Amino acid sequence: MLQNISTKEAMWILFGLIGQLMFTGRFVIQWIASERAKMSVVTKSFWLFSILGSSVLSVYAIYRKDPVFILGQVPGIFIYIRNLVIMRNNERSRRAASAASNTRDM
Protein backbone atom coordinates (compact mmCIF):
# COMPACT_ATOMS: atom_id res chain seq x y z
CA MET A 1 0.00 0.00 0.00
CA LEU A 2 2.69 2.52 0.96
CA GLN A 3 5.07 1.30 -1.77
CA ASN A 4 3.46 3.36 -4.51
CA ILE A 5 3.35 6.75 -2.77
CA SER A 6 5.67 9.67 -3.41
CA THR A 7 8.02 11.15 -0.81
CA LYS A 8 5.80 14.24 -0.68
CA GLU A 9 2.74 12.12 0.02
CA ALA A 10 4.64 10.12 2.66
CA MET A 11 5.62 13.38 4.39
CA TRP A 12 1.97 14.48 4.44
CA ILE A 13 0.94 11.14 5.92
CA LEU A 14 3.63 11.51 8.59
CA PHE A 15 2.40 15.05 9.28
CA GLY A 16 -1.17 13.78 9.69
CA LEU A 17 -0.03 10.97 11.97
CA ILE A 18 1.85 13.45 14.19
CA GLY A 19 -1.32 15.53 14.48
CA GLN A 20 -3.34 12.45 15.35
CA LEU A 21 -0.79 11.42 18.01
CA MET A 22 -0.94 14.90 19.59
CA PHE A 23 -4.72 14.86 19.49
CA THR A 24 -4.83 11.41 21.10
CA GLY A 25 -2.12 12.38 23.59
CA ARG A 26 -4.45 14.91 25.16
CA PHE A 27 -6.66 12.09 26.41
CA VAL A 28 -3.66 10.37 27.99
CA ILE A 29 -2.69 13.63 29.74
CA GLN A 30 -6.25 14.15 30.98
CA TRP A 31 -6.49 10.55 32.19
CA ILE A 32 -3.20 10.76 34.13
CA ALA A 33 -4.20 14.09 35.73
CA SER A 34 -7.59 12.68 36.71
CA GLU A 35 -6.04 9.53 38.17
CA ARG A 36 -3.61 11.58 40.26
CA ALA A 37 -6.38 13.87 41.52
CA LYS A 38 -8.85 10.99 42.02
CA MET A 39 -11.41 13.13 40.16
CA SER A 40 -12.03 14.27 36.61
CA VAL A 41 -9.57 17.01 35.72
CA VAL A 42 -9.11 18.90 32.48
CA THR A 43 -5.70 20.59 32.43
CA LYS A 44 -4.33 23.49 30.42
CA SER A 45 -2.07 21.01 28.61
CA PHE A 46 -5.19 19.10 27.50
CA TRP A 47 -6.44 22.21 25.73
CA LEU A 48 -2.98 23.01 24.31
CA PHE A 49 -2.67 19.50 22.86
CA SER A 50 -6.23 19.85 21.56
CA ILE A 51 -5.30 23.05 19.71
CA LEU A 52 -2.01 21.69 18.38
CA GLY A 53 -3.40 18.34 17.30
CA SER A 54 -6.54 19.80 15.78
CA SER A 55 -4.54 22.49 13.95
CA VAL A 56 -2.17 19.95 12.43
CA LEU A 57 -5.06 17.66 11.51
CA SER A 58 -6.93 20.62 9.99
CA VAL A 59 -3.96 21.49 7.78
CA TYR A 60 -3.70 17.83 6.77
CA ALA A 61 -7.45 17.68 6.03
CA ILE A 62 -7.25 20.85 3.93
CA TYR A 63 -4.32 19.39 2.00
CA ARG A 64 -6.35 16.20 1.42
CA LYS A 65 -9.38 18.33 0.43
CA ASP A 66 -11.57 16.30 2.77
CA PRO A 67 -14.60 18.45 3.70
CA VAL A 68 -15.84 16.00 6.33
CA PHE A 69 -12.47 15.94 8.09
CA ILE A 70 -12.14 19.75 7.78
CA LEU A 71 -15.59 20.33 9.32
CA GLY A 72 -14.74 17.84 12.06
CA GLN A 73 -11.53 19.58 13.12
CA VAL A 74 -11.57 23.31 12.36
CA PRO A 75 -14.50 24.39 14.60
CA GLY A 76 -12.98 22.63 17.60
CA ILE A 77 -9.90 24.84 17.47
CA PHE A 78 -12.00 27.86 18.45
CA ILE A 79 -13.68 25.94 21.28
CA TYR A 80 -10.29 24.82 22.63
CA ILE A 81 -8.94 28.37 22.49
CA ARG A 82 -12.06 29.63 24.28
CA ASN A 83 -11.50 27.11 27.07
CA LEU A 84 -7.94 28.41 27.54
CA VAL A 85 -9.28 31.99 27.69
CA ILE A 86 -11.83 30.93 30.33
CA MET A 87 -9.08 29.22 32.35
CA ARG A 88 -6.87 32.33 32.12
CA ASN A 89 -9.73 34.61 33.20
CA ASN A 90 -10.52 32.33 36.15
CA GLU A 91 -6.86 32.32 37.22
CA ARG A 92 -6.76 36.13 37.06
CA SER A 93 -9.97 36.38 39.11
CA ARG A 94 -8.58 34.01 41.75
CA ARG A 95 -5.31 35.95 41.96
CA ALA A 96 -7.17 39.25 42.26
CA ALA A 97 -9.46 37.84 44.97
CA SER A 98 -6.45 36.42 46.82
CA ALA A 99 -4.59 39.72 46.60
CA ALA A 100 -7.65 41.60 47.86
CA SER A 101 -8.02 39.13 50.72
CA ASN A 102 -4.36 39.48 51.66
CA THR A 103 -4.66 43.28 51.61
CA ARG A 104 -7.69 43.19 53.95
CA ASP A 105 -5.91 40.85 56.35
CA MET A 106 -3.04 43.30 56.85
PDB file of N, CA and C in Angstrom:
ATOM      1  N   MET A   1       0.823  -1.190   0.000  1.00  0.00           N
ATOM      2  CA  MET A   1       0.000   0.000   0.000  1.00  0.00           C
ATOM      3  C   MET A   1       0.870   1.258   0.000  1.00  0.00           C
ATOM      4  N   LEU A   2       1.849   1.344   0.878  1.00  0.00           N
ATOM      5  CA  LEU A   2       2.693   2.523   0.964  1.00  0.00           C
ATOM      6  C   LEU A   2       3.829   2.500  -0.048  1.00  0.00           C
ATOM      7  N   GLN A   3       3.982   1.419  -0.804  1.00  0.00           N
ATOM      8  CA  GLN A   3       5.068   1.299  -1.769  1.00  0.00           C
ATOM      9  C   GLN A   3       4.917   2.260  -2.939  1.00  0.00           C
ATOM     10  N   ASN A   4       3.712   2.570  -3.306  1.00  0.00           N
ATOM     11  CA  ASN A   4       3.465   3.363  -4.505  1.00  0.00           C
ATOM     12  C   ASN A   4       3.212   4.841  -4.225  1.00  0.00           C
ATOM     13  N   ILE A   5       3.600   5.339  -3.064  1.00  0.00           N
ATOM     14  CA  ILE A   5       3.355   6.751  -2.775  1.00  0.00           C
ATOM     15  C   ILE A   5       4.652   7.539  -2.897  1.00  0.00           C
ATOM     16  N   SER A   6       4.512   8.802  -3.249  1.00  0.00           N
ATOM     17  CA  SER A   6       5.672   9.674  -3.408  1.00  0.00           C
ATOM     18  C   SER A   6       6.207  10.095  -2.036  1.00  0.00           C
ATOM     19  N   THR A   7       7.416  10.632  -2.053  1.00  0.00           N
ATOM     20  CA  THR A   7       8.015  11.148  -0.810  1.00  0.00           C
ATOM     21  C   THR A   7       7.163  12.273  -0.246  1.00  0.00           C
ATOM     22  N   LYS A   8       6.662  13.138  -1.130  1.00  0.00           N
ATOM     23  CA  LYS A   8       5.802  14.242  -0.685  1.00  0.00           C
ATOM     24  C   LYS A   8       4.564  13.703   0.020  1.00  0.00           C
ATOM     25  N   GLU A   9       3.947  12.709  -0.568  1.00  0.00           N
ATOM     26  CA  GLU A   9       2.738  12.118   0.022  1.00  0.00           C
ATOM     27  C   GLU A   9       3.074  11.445   1.346  1.00  0.00           C
ATOM     28  N   ALA A  10       4.217  10.773   1.421  1.00  0.00           N
ATOM     29  CA  ALA A  10       4.644  10.125   2.664  1.00  0.00           C
ATOM     30  C   ALA A  10       4.858  11.160   3.768  1.00  0.00           C
ATOM     31  N   MET A  11       5.412  12.313   3.404  1.00  0.00           N
ATOM     32  CA  MET A  11       5.616  13.379   4.386  1.00  0.00           C
ATOM     33  C   MET A  11       4.269  13.903   4.901  1.00  0.00           C
ATOM     34  N   TRP A  12       3.297  14.035   4.021  1.00  0.00           N
ATOM     35  CA  TRP A  12       1.966  14.481   4.442  1.00  0.00           C
ATOM     36  C   TRP A  12       1.308  13.451   5.356  1.00  0.00           C
ATOM     37  N   ILE A  13       1.500  12.189   5.051  1.00  0.00           N
ATOM     38  CA  ILE A  13       0.941  11.142   5.917  1.00  0.00           C
ATOM     39  C   ILE A  13       1.599  11.199   7.280  1.00  0.00           C
ATOM     40  N   LEU A  14       2.913  11.374   7.318  1.00  0.00           N
ATOM     41  CA  LEU A  14       3.631  11.511   8.590  1.00  0.00           C
ATOM     42  C   LEU A  14       3.122  12.724   9.364  1.00  0.00           C
ATOM     43  N   PHE A  15       2.926  13.837   8.660  1.00  0.00           N
ATOM     44  CA  PHE A  15       2.398  15.053   9.275  1.00  0.00           C
ATOM     45  C   PHE A  15       1.031  14.780   9.905  1.00  0.00           C
ATOM     46  N   GLY A  16       0.154  14.109   9.167  1.00  0.00           N
ATOM     47  CA  GLY A  16      -1.173  13.780   9.691  1.00  0.00           C
ATOM     48  C   GLY A  16      -1.103  12.846  10.887  1.00  0.00           C
ATOM     49  N   LEU A  17      -0.189  11.890  10.841  1.00  0.00           N
ATOM     50  CA  LEU A  17      -0.026  10.973  11.973  1.00  0.00           C
ATOM     51  C   LEU A  17       0.469  11.700  13.221  1.00  0.00           C
ATOM     52  N   ILE A  18       1.369  12.651  13.045  1.00  0.00           N
ATOM     53  CA  ILE A  18       1.855  13.446  14.191  1.00  0.00           C
ATOM     54  C   ILE A  18       0.689  14.215  14.810  1.00  0.00           C
ATOM     55  N   GLY A  19      -0.138  14.824  13.976  1.00  0.00           N
ATOM     56  CA  GLY A  19      -1.320  15.533  14.479  1.00  0.00           C
ATOM     57  C   GLY A  19      -2.252  14.610  15.233  1.00  0.00           C
ATOM     58  N   GLN A  20      -2.455  13.410  14.695  1.00  0.00           N
ATOM     59  CA  GLN A  20      -3.338  12.448  15.354  1.00  0.00           C
ATOM     60  C   GLN A  20      -2.760  12.001  16.681  1.00  0.00           C
ATOM     61  N   LEU A  21      -1.441  11.801  16.748  1.00  0.00           N
ATOM     62  CA  LEU A  21      -0.794  11.421  18.015  1.00  0.00           C
ATOM     63  C   LEU A  21      -0.936  12.526  19.062  1.00  0.00           C
ATOM     64  N   MET A  22      -0.767  13.797  18.644  1.00  0.00           N
ATOM     65  CA  MET A  22      -0.943  14.904  19.588  1.00  0.00           C
ATOM     66  C   MET A  22      -2.390  14.967  20.068  1.00  0.00           C
ATOM     67  N   PHE A  23      -3.300  14.799  19.143  1.00  0.00           N
ATOM     68  CA  PHE A  23      -4.721  14.864  19.488  1.00  0.00           C
ATOM     69  C   PHE A  23      -5.090  13.738  20.441  1.00  0.00           C
ATOM     70  N   THR A  24      -4.579  12.544  20.209  1.00  0.00           N
ATOM     71  CA  THR A  24      -4.828  11.406  21.097  1.00  0.00           C
ATOM     72  C   THR A  24      -4.098  11.578  22.419  1.00  0.00           C
ATOM     73  N   GLY A  25      -2.907  12.171  22.381  1.00  0.00           N
ATOM     74  CA  GLY A  25      -2.118  12.379  23.594  1.00  0.00           C
ATOM     75  C   GLY A  25      -2.840  13.216  24.637  1.00  0.00           C
ATOM     76  N   ARG A  26      -3.712  14.076  24.199  1.00  0.00           N
ATOM     77  CA  ARG A  26      -4.450  14.911  25.160  1.00  0.00           C
ATOM     78  C   ARG A  26      -5.304  14.057  26.085  1.00  0.00           C
ATOM     79  N   PHE A  27      -5.852  12.964  25.571  1.00  0.00           N
ATOM     80  CA  PHE A  27      -6.658  12.088  26.409  1.00  0.00           C
ATOM     81  C   PHE A  27      -5.796  11.374  27.445  1.00  0.00           C
ATOM     82  N   VAL A  28      -4.591  11.011  27.049  1.00  0.00           N
ATOM     83  CA  VAL A  28      -3.662  10.369  27.989  1.00  0.00           C
ATOM     84  C   VAL A  28      -3.306  11.354  29.098  1.00  0.00           C
ATOM     85  N   ILE A  29      -3.016  12.595  28.749  1.00  0.00           N
ATOM     86  CA  ILE A  29      -2.687  13.632  29.738  1.00  0.00           C
ATOM     87  C   ILE A  29      -3.863  13.835  30.692  1.00  0.00           C
ATOM     88  N   GLN A  30      -5.067  13.930  30.151  1.00  0.00           N
ATOM     89  CA  GLN A  30      -6.253  14.153  30.982  1.00  0.00           C
ATOM     90  C   GLN A  30      -6.490  12.952  31.890  1.00  0.00           C
ATOM     91  N   TRP A  31      -6.289  11.763  31.393  1.00  0.00           N
ATOM     92  CA  TRP A  31      -6.489  10.551  32.186  1.00  0.00           C
ATOM     93  C   TRP A  31      -5.501  10.504  33.343  1.00  0.00           C
ATOM     94  N   ILE A  32      -4.226  10.780  33.077  1.00  0.00           N
ATOM     95  CA  ILE A  32      -3.201  10.763  34.131  1.00  0.00           C
ATOM     96  C   ILE A  32      -3.511  11.814  35.187  1.00  0.00           C
ATOM     97  N   ALA A  33      -3.865  13.024  34.760  1.00  0.00           N
ATOM     98  CA  ALA A  33      -4.196  14.088  35.726  1.00  0.00           C
ATOM     99  C   ALA A  33      -5.397  13.705  36.570  1.00  0.00           C
ATOM    100  N   SER A  34      -6.399  13.094  35.969  1.00  0.00           N
ATOM    101  CA  SER A  34      -7.587  12.677  36.713  1.00  0.00           C
ATOM    102  C   SER A  34      -7.263  11.555  37.693  1.00  0.00           C
ATOM    103  N   GLU A  35      -6.441  10.623  37.275  1.00  0.00           N
ATOM    104  CA  GLU A  35      -6.038   9.526  38.171  1.00  0.00           C
ATOM    105  C   GLU A  35      -5.294  10.069  39.375  1.00  0.00           C
ATOM    106  N   ARG A  36      -4.392  11.000  39.149  1.00  0.00           N
ATOM    107  CA  ARG A  36      -3.615  11.584  40.256  1.00  0.00           C
ATOM    108  C   ARG A  36      -4.509  12.346  41.226  1.00  0.00           C
ATOM    109  N   ALA A  37      -5.492  13.061  40.681  1.00  0.00           N
ATOM    110  CA  ALA A  37      -6.379  13.874  41.520  1.00  0.00           C
ATOM    111  C   ALA A  37      -7.541  13.066  42.091  1.00  0.00           C
ATOM    112  N   LYS A  38      -7.720  11.842  41.606  1.00  0.00           N
ATOM    113  CA  LYS A  38      -8.849  10.989  42.017  1.00  0.00           C
ATOM    114  C   LYS A  38     -10.184  11.656  41.716  1.00  0.00           C
ATOM    115  N   MET A  39     -10.198  12.492  40.647  1.00  0.00           N
ATOM    116  CA  MET A  39     -11.414  13.129  40.160  1.00  0.00           C
ATOM    117  C   MET A  39     -11.156  13.578  38.725  1.00  0.00           C
ATOM    118  N   SER A  40     -12.199  13.841  37.997  1.00  0.00           N
ATOM    119  CA  SER A  40     -12.029  14.265  36.608  1.00  0.00           C
ATOM    120  C   SER A  40     -11.412  15.654  36.544  1.00  0.00           C
ATOM    121  N   VAL A  41     -10.304  15.752  35.826  1.00  0.00           N
ATOM    122  CA  VAL A  41      -9.567  17.013  35.719  1.00  0.00           C
ATOM    123  C   VAL A  41      -9.270  17.276  34.245  1.00  0.00           C
ATOM    124  N   VAL A  42      -9.502  18.489  33.820  1.00  0.00           N
ATOM    125  CA  VAL A  42      -9.106  18.896  32.477  1.00  0.00           C
ATOM    126  C   VAL A  42      -8.055  19.989  32.646  1.00  0.00           C
ATOM    127  N   THR A  43      -6.835  19.691  32.219  1.00  0.00           N
ATOM    128  CA  THR A  43      -5.700  20.591  32.431  1.00  0.00           C
ATOM    129  C   THR A  43      -5.498  21.538  31.254  1.00  0.00           C
ATOM    130  N   LYS A  44      -4.690  22.560  31.487  1.00  0.00           N
ATOM    131  CA  LYS A  44      -4.326  23.487  30.424  1.00  0.00           C
ATOM    132  C   LYS A  44      -3.619  22.738  29.297  1.00  0.00           C
ATOM    133  N   SER A  45      -2.777  21.768  29.657  1.00  0.00           N
ATOM    134  CA  SER A  45      -2.067  21.011  28.614  1.00  0.00           C
ATOM    135  C   SER A  45      -3.036  20.213  27.743  1.00  0.00           C
ATOM    136  N   PHE A  46      -4.166  19.786  28.299  1.00  0.00           N
ATOM    137  CA  PHE A  46      -5.191  19.098  27.500  1.00  0.00           C
ATOM    138  C   PHE A  46      -5.663  20.012  26.379  1.00  0.00           C
ATOM    139  N   TRP A  47      -5.951  21.277  26.733  1.00  0.00           N
ATOM    140  CA  TRP A  47      -6.443  22.214  25.730  1.00  0.00           C
ATOM    141  C   TRP A  47      -5.337  22.591  24.747  1.00  0.00           C
ATOM    142  N   LEU A  48      -4.094  22.707  25.211  1.00  0.00           N
ATOM    143  CA  LEU A  48      -2.980  23.009  24.309  1.00  0.00           C
ATOM    144  C   LEU A  48      -2.778  21.878  23.295  1.00  0.00           C
ATOM    145  N   PHE A  49      -2.793  20.641  23.775  1.00  0.00           N
ATOM    146  CA  PHE A  49      -2.671  19.500  22.865  1.00  0.00           C
ATOM    147  C   PHE A  49      -3.868  19.438  21.924  1.00  0.00           C
ATOM    148  N   SER A  50      -5.046  19.820  22.410  1.00  0.00           N
ATOM    149  CA  SER A  50      -6.233  19.853  21.556  1.00  0.00           C
ATOM    150  C   SER A  50      -6.033  20.840  20.409  1.00  0.00           C
ATOM    151  N   ILE A  51      -5.532  22.026  20.733  1.00  0.00           N
ATOM    152  CA  ILE A  51      -5.301  23.054  19.714  1.00  0.00           C
ATOM    153  C   ILE A  51      -4.230  22.597  18.730  1.00  0.00           C
ATOM    154  N   LEU A  52      -3.104  22.118  19.244  1.00  0.00           N
ATOM    155  CA  LEU A  52      -2.009  21.691  18.377  1.00  0.00           C
ATOM    156  C   LEU A  52      -2.427  20.529  17.480  1.00  0.00           C
ATOM    157  N   GLY A  53      -2.991  19.504  18.079  1.00  0.00           N
ATOM    158  CA  GLY A  53      -3.405  18.337  17.304  1.00  0.00           C
ATOM    159  C   GLY A  53      -4.461  18.671  16.282  1.00  0.00           C
ATOM    160  N   SER A  54      -5.459  19.441  16.685  1.00  0.00           N
ATOM    161  CA  SER A  54      -6.539  19.801  15.777  1.00  0.00           C
ATOM    162  C   SER A  54      -6.042  20.717  14.660  1.00  0.00           C
ATOM    163  N   SER A  55      -5.105  21.597  14.976  1.00  0.00           N
ATOM    164  CA  SER A  55      -4.541  22.486  13.946  1.00  0.00           C
ATOM    165  C   SER A  55      -3.778  21.686  12.899  1.00  0.00           C
ATOM    166  N   VAL A  56      -2.926  20.774  13.364  1.00  0.00           N
ATOM    167  CA  VAL A  56      -2.165  19.945  12.430  1.00  0.00           C
ATOM    168  C   VAL A  56      -3.122  19.087  11.592  1.00  0.00           C
ATOM    169  N   LEU A  57      -4.098  18.478  12.249  1.00  0.00           N
ATOM    170  CA  LEU A  57      -5.062  17.658  11.512  1.00  0.00           C
ATOM    171  C   LEU A  57      -5.890  18.489  10.531  1.00  0.00           C
ATOM    172  N   SER A  58      -6.177  19.746  10.890  1.00  0.00           N
ATOM    173  CA  SER A  58      -6.927  20.621   9.986  1.00  0.00           C
ATOM    174  C   SER A  58      -6.112  20.926   8.732  1.00  0.00           C
ATOM    175  N   VAL A  59      -4.834  21.241   8.926  1.00  0.00           N
ATOM    176  CA  VAL A  59      -3.960  21.495   7.778  1.00  0.00           C
ATOM    177  C   VAL A  59      -3.904  20.257   6.890  1.00  0.00           C
ATOM    178  N   TYR A  60      -3.751  19.101   7.511  1.00  0.00           N
ATOM    179  CA  TYR A  60      -3.704  17.835   6.772  1.00  0.00           C
ATOM    180  C   TYR A  60      -5.012  17.612   6.012  1.00  0.00           C
ATOM    181  N   ALA A  61      -6.140  17.872   6.659  1.00  0.00           N
ATOM    182  CA  ALA A  61      -7.455  17.684   6.025  1.00  0.00           C
ATOM    183  C   ALA A  61      -7.635  18.647   4.853  1.00  0.00           C
ATOM    184  N   ILE A  62      -7.145  19.874   5.016  1.00  0.00           N
ATOM    185  CA  ILE A  62      -7.245  20.852   3.930  1.00  0.00           C
ATOM    186  C   ILE A  62      -6.378  20.397   2.750  1.00  0.00           C
ATOM    187  N   TYR A  63      -5.181  19.913   3.059  1.00  0.00           N
ATOM    188  CA  TYR A  63      -4.319  19.387   1.997  1.00  0.00           C
ATOM    189  C   TYR A  63      -5.011  18.239   1.266  1.00  0.00           C
ATOM    190  N   ARG A  64      -5.668  17.368   2.017  1.00  0.00           N
ATOM    191  CA  ARG A  64      -6.347  16.205   1.424  1.00  0.00           C
ATOM    192  C   ARG A  64      -7.675  16.587   0.763  1.00  0.00           C
ATOM    193  N   LYS A  65      -8.106  17.833   0.983  1.00  0.00           N
ATOM    194  CA  LYS A  65      -9.377  18.334   0.435  1.00  0.00           C
ATOM    195  C   LYS A  65     -10.543  17.461   0.892  1.00  0.00           C
ATOM    196  N   ASP A  66     -10.549  17.170   2.183  1.00  0.00           N
ATOM    197  CA  ASP A  66     -11.574  16.303   2.770  1.00  0.00           C
ATOM    198  C   ASP A  66     -12.542  17.168   3.583  1.00  0.00           C
ATOM    199  N   PRO A  67     -13.685  17.533   3.011  1.00  0.00           N
ATOM    200  CA  PRO A  67     -14.601  18.449   3.705  1.00  0.00           C
ATOM    201  C   PRO A  67     -15.145  17.886   5.017  1.00  0.00           C
ATOM    202  N   VAL A  68     -15.333  16.600   5.103  1.00  0.00           N
ATOM    203  CA  VAL A  68     -15.844  15.999   6.331  1.00  0.00           C
ATOM    204  C   VAL A  68     -14.808  16.153   7.442  1.00  0.00           C
ATOM    205  N   PHE A  69     -13.579  15.839   7.133  1.00  0.00           N
ATOM    206  CA  PHE A  69     -12.474  15.940   8.086  1.00  0.00           C
ATOM    207  C   PHE A  69     -12.250  17.407   8.484  1.00  0.00           C
ATOM    208  N   ILE A  70     -12.319  18.319   7.509  1.00  0.00           N
ATOM    209  CA  ILE A  70     -12.144  19.751   7.784  1.00  0.00           C
ATOM    210  C   ILE A  70     -13.227  20.227   8.749  1.00  0.00           C
ATOM    211  N   LEU A  71     -14.491  19.907   8.452  1.00  0.00           N
ATOM    212  CA  LEU A  71     -15.593  20.326   9.321  1.00  0.00           C
ATOM    213  C   LEU A  71     -15.523  19.673  10.695  1.00  0.00           C
ATOM    214  N   GLY A  72     -14.887  18.527  10.781  1.00  0.00           N
ATOM    215  CA  GLY A  72     -14.744  17.841  12.060  1.00  0.00           C
ATOM    216  C   GLY A  72     -13.655  18.422  12.940  1.00  0.00           C
ATOM    217  N   GLN A  73     -12.670  19.087  12.350  1.00  0.00           N
ATOM    218  CA  GLN A  73     -11.528  19.579  13.117  1.00  0.00           C
ATOM    219  C   GLN A  73     -11.516  21.090  13.332  1.00  0.00           C
ATOM    220  N   VAL A  74     -11.749  21.852  12.288  1.00  0.00           N
ATOM    221  CA  VAL A  74     -11.575  23.309  12.357  1.00  0.00           C
ATOM    222  C   VAL A  74     -12.419  23.976  13.447  1.00  0.00           C
ATOM    223  N   PRO A  75     -13.715  23.699  13.560  1.00  0.00           N
ATOM    224  CA  PRO A  75     -14.500  24.391  14.602  1.00  0.00           C
ATOM    225  C   PRO A  75     -13.989  24.138  16.024  1.00  0.00           C
ATOM    226  N   GLY A  76     -13.481  22.954  16.262  1.00  0.00           N
ATOM    227  CA  GLY A  76     -12.985  22.626  17.599  1.00  0.00           C
ATOM    228  C   GLY A  76     -11.850  23.519  18.050  1.00  0.00           C
ATOM    229  N   ILE A  77     -11.021  23.974  17.118  1.00  0.00           N
ATOM    230  CA  ILE A  77      -9.895  24.837  17.473  1.00  0.00           C
ATOM    231  C   ILE A  77     -10.390  26.054  18.252  1.00  0.00           C
ATOM    232  N   PHE A  78     -11.462  26.657  17.791  1.00  0.00           N
ATOM    233  CA  PHE A  78     -12.000  27.859  18.451  1.00  0.00           C
ATOM    234  C   PHE A  78     -12.557  27.527  19.836  1.00  0.00           C
ATOM    235  N   ILE A  79     -13.161  26.370  19.978  1.00  0.00           N
ATOM    236  CA  ILE A  79     -13.676  25.943  21.281  1.00  0.00           C
ATOM    237  C   ILE A  79     -12.522  25.708  22.251  1.00  0.00           C
ATOM    238  N   TYR A  80     -11.445  25.086  21.777  1.00  0.00           N
ATOM    239  CA  TYR A  80     -10.287  24.816  22.633  1.00  0.00           C
ATOM    240  C   TYR A  80      -9.628  26.121  23.075  1.00  0.00           C
ATOM    241  N   ILE A  81      -9.514  27.062  22.144  1.00  0.00           N
ATOM    242  CA  ILE A  81      -8.941  28.372  22.491  1.00  0.00           C
ATOM    243  C   ILE A  81      -9.829  29.056  23.522  1.00  0.00           C
ATOM    244  N   ARG A  82     -11.124  28.997  23.338  1.00  0.00           N
ATOM    245  CA  ARG A  82     -12.058  29.632  24.280  1.00  0.00           C
ATOM    246  C   ARG A  82     -11.905  29.037  25.675  1.00  0.00           C
ATOM    247  N   ASN A  83     -11.699  27.731  25.768  1.00  0.00           N
ATOM    248  CA  ASN A  83     -11.499  27.111  27.073  1.00  0.00           C
ATOM    249  C   ASN A  83     -10.225  27.618  27.742  1.00  0.00           C
ATOM    250  N   LEU A  84      -9.163  27.841  26.968  1.00  0.00           N
ATOM    251  CA  LEU A  84      -7.944  28.411  27.543  1.00  0.00           C
ATOM    252  C   LEU A  84      -8.173  29.840  28.025  1.00  0.00           C
ATOM    253  N   VAL A  85      -8.956  30.612  27.275  1.00  0.00           N
ATOM    254  CA  VAL A  85      -9.282  31.987  27.687  1.00  0.00           C
ATOM    255  C   VAL A  85     -10.076  31.958  28.991  1.00  0.00           C
ATOM    256  N   ILE A  86     -11.037  31.063  29.090  1.00  0.00           N
ATOM    257  CA  ILE A  86     -11.830  30.934  30.325  1.00  0.00           C
ATOM    258  C   ILE A  86     -10.919  30.563  31.492  1.00  0.00           C
ATOM    259  N   MET A  87     -10.007  29.615  31.278  1.00  0.00           N
ATOM    260  CA  MET A  87      -9.085  29.223  32.351  1.00  0.00           C
ATOM    261  C   MET A  87      -8.220  30.404  32.778  1.00  0.00           C
ATOM    262  N   ARG A  88      -7.708  31.162  31.802  1.00  0.00           N
ATOM    263  CA  ARG A  88      -6.874  32.330  32.116  1.00  0.00           C
ATOM    264  C   ARG A  88      -7.666  33.365  32.910  1.00  0.00           C
ATOM    265  N   ASN A  89      -8.899  33.630  32.487  1.00  0.00           N
ATOM    266  CA  ASN A  89      -9.729  34.608  33.199  1.00  0.00           C
ATOM    267  C   ASN A  89     -10.027  34.149  34.624  1.00  0.00           C
ATOM    268  N   ASN A  90     -10.280  32.861  34.811  1.00  0.00           N
ATOM    269  CA  ASN A  90     -10.524  32.334  36.154  1.00  0.00           C
ATOM    270  C   ASN A  90      -9.281  32.460  37.034  1.00  0.00           C
ATOM    271  N   GLU A  91      -8.108  32.184  36.456  1.00  0.00           N
ATOM    272  CA  GLU A  91      -6.861  32.321  37.221  1.00  0.00           C
ATOM    273  C   GLU A  91      -6.643  33.769  37.637  1.00  0.00           C
ATOM    274  N   ARG A  92      -6.900  34.701  36.731  1.00  0.00           N
ATOM    275  CA  ARG A  92      -6.756  36.127  37.057  1.00  0.00           C
ATOM    276  C   ARG A  92      -7.724  36.533  38.168  1.00  0.00           C
ATOM    277  N   SER A  93      -8.965  36.053  38.082  1.00  0.00           N
ATOM    278  CA  SER A  93      -9.966  36.384  39.106  1.00  0.00           C
ATOM    279  C   SER A  93      -9.548  35.836  40.466  1.00  0.00           C
ATOM    280  N   ARG A  94      -9.035  34.596  40.485  1.00  0.00           N
ATOM    281  CA  ARG A  94      -8.583  34.007  41.752  1.00  0.00           C
ATOM    282  C   ARG A  94      -7.406  34.777  42.333  1.00  0.00           C
ATOM    283  N   ARG A  95      -6.465  35.172  41.474  1.00  0.00           N
ATOM    284  CA  ARG A  95      -5.314  35.950  41.960  1.00  0.00           C
ATOM    285  C   ARG A  95      -5.758  37.295  42.504  1.00  0.00           C
ATOM    286  N   ALA A  96      -6.681  37.943  41.806  1.00  0.00           N
ATOM    287  CA  ALA A  96      -7.174  39.246  42.257  1.00  0.00           C
ATOM    288  C   ALA A  96      -7.913  39.107  43.589  1.00  0.00           C
ATOM    289  N   ALA A  97      -8.730  38.067  43.723  1.00  0.00           N
ATOM    290  CA  ALA A  97      -9.459  37.835  44.970  1.00  0.00           C
ATOM    291  C   ALA A  97      -8.486  37.525  46.103  1.00  0.00           C
ATOM    292  N   SER A  98      -7.458  36.758  45.806  1.00  0.00           N
ATOM    293  CA  SER A  98      -6.455  36.419  46.820  1.00  0.00           C
ATOM    294  C   SER A  98      -5.682  37.656  47.246  1.00  0.00           C
ATOM    295  N   ALA A  99      -5.312  38.495  46.274  1.00  0.00           N
ATOM    296  CA  ALA A  99      -4.592  39.724  46.596  1.00  0.00           C
ATOM    297  C   ALA A  99      -5.456  40.654  47.438  1.00  0.00           C
ATOM    298  N   ALA A 100      -6.734  40.744  47.094  1.00  0.00           N
ATOM    299  CA  ALA A 100      -7.652  41.598  47.859  1.00  0.00           C
ATOM    300  C   ALA A 100      -7.822  41.067  49.270  1.00  0.00           C
ATOM    301  N   SER A 101      -7.880  39.758  49.406  1.00  0.00           N
ATOM    302  CA  SER A 101      -8.018  39.127  50.720  1.00  0.00           C
ATOM    303  C   SER A 101      -6.776  39.373  51.568  1.00  0.00           C
ATOM    304  N   ASN A 102      -5.627  39.254  50.950  1.00  0.00           N
ATOM    305  CA  ASN A 102      -4.360  39.481  51.663  1.00  0.00           C
ATOM    306  C   ASN A 102      -4.230  40.938  52.101  1.00  0.00           C
ATOM    307  N   THR A 103      -4.721  41.856  51.280  1.00  0.00           N
ATOM    308  CA  THR A 103      -4.664  43.280  51.612  1.00  0.00           C
ATOM    309  C   THR A 103      -5.580  43.580  52.812  1.00  0.00           C
ATOM    310  N   ARG A 104      -6.758  42.963  52.844  1.00  0.00           N
ATOM    311  CA  ARG A 104      -7.690  43.187  53.949  1.00  0.00           C
ATOM    312  C   ARG A 104      -7.145  42.616  55.244  1.00  0.00           C
ATOM    313  N   ASP A 105      -6.428  41.514  55.168  1.00  0.00           N
ATOM    314  CA  ASP A 105      -5.912  40.851  56.354  1.00  0.00           C
ATOM    315  C   ASP A 105      -4.777  41.620  57.015  1.00  0.00           C
ATOM    316  N   MET A 106      -4.184  42.568  56.303  1.00  0.00           N
ATOM    317  CA  MET A 106      -3.042  43.302  56.852  1.00  0.00           C
ATOM    318  C   MET A 106      -3.455  44.420  57.733  1.00  0.00           C
TER     319      MET A 106
END
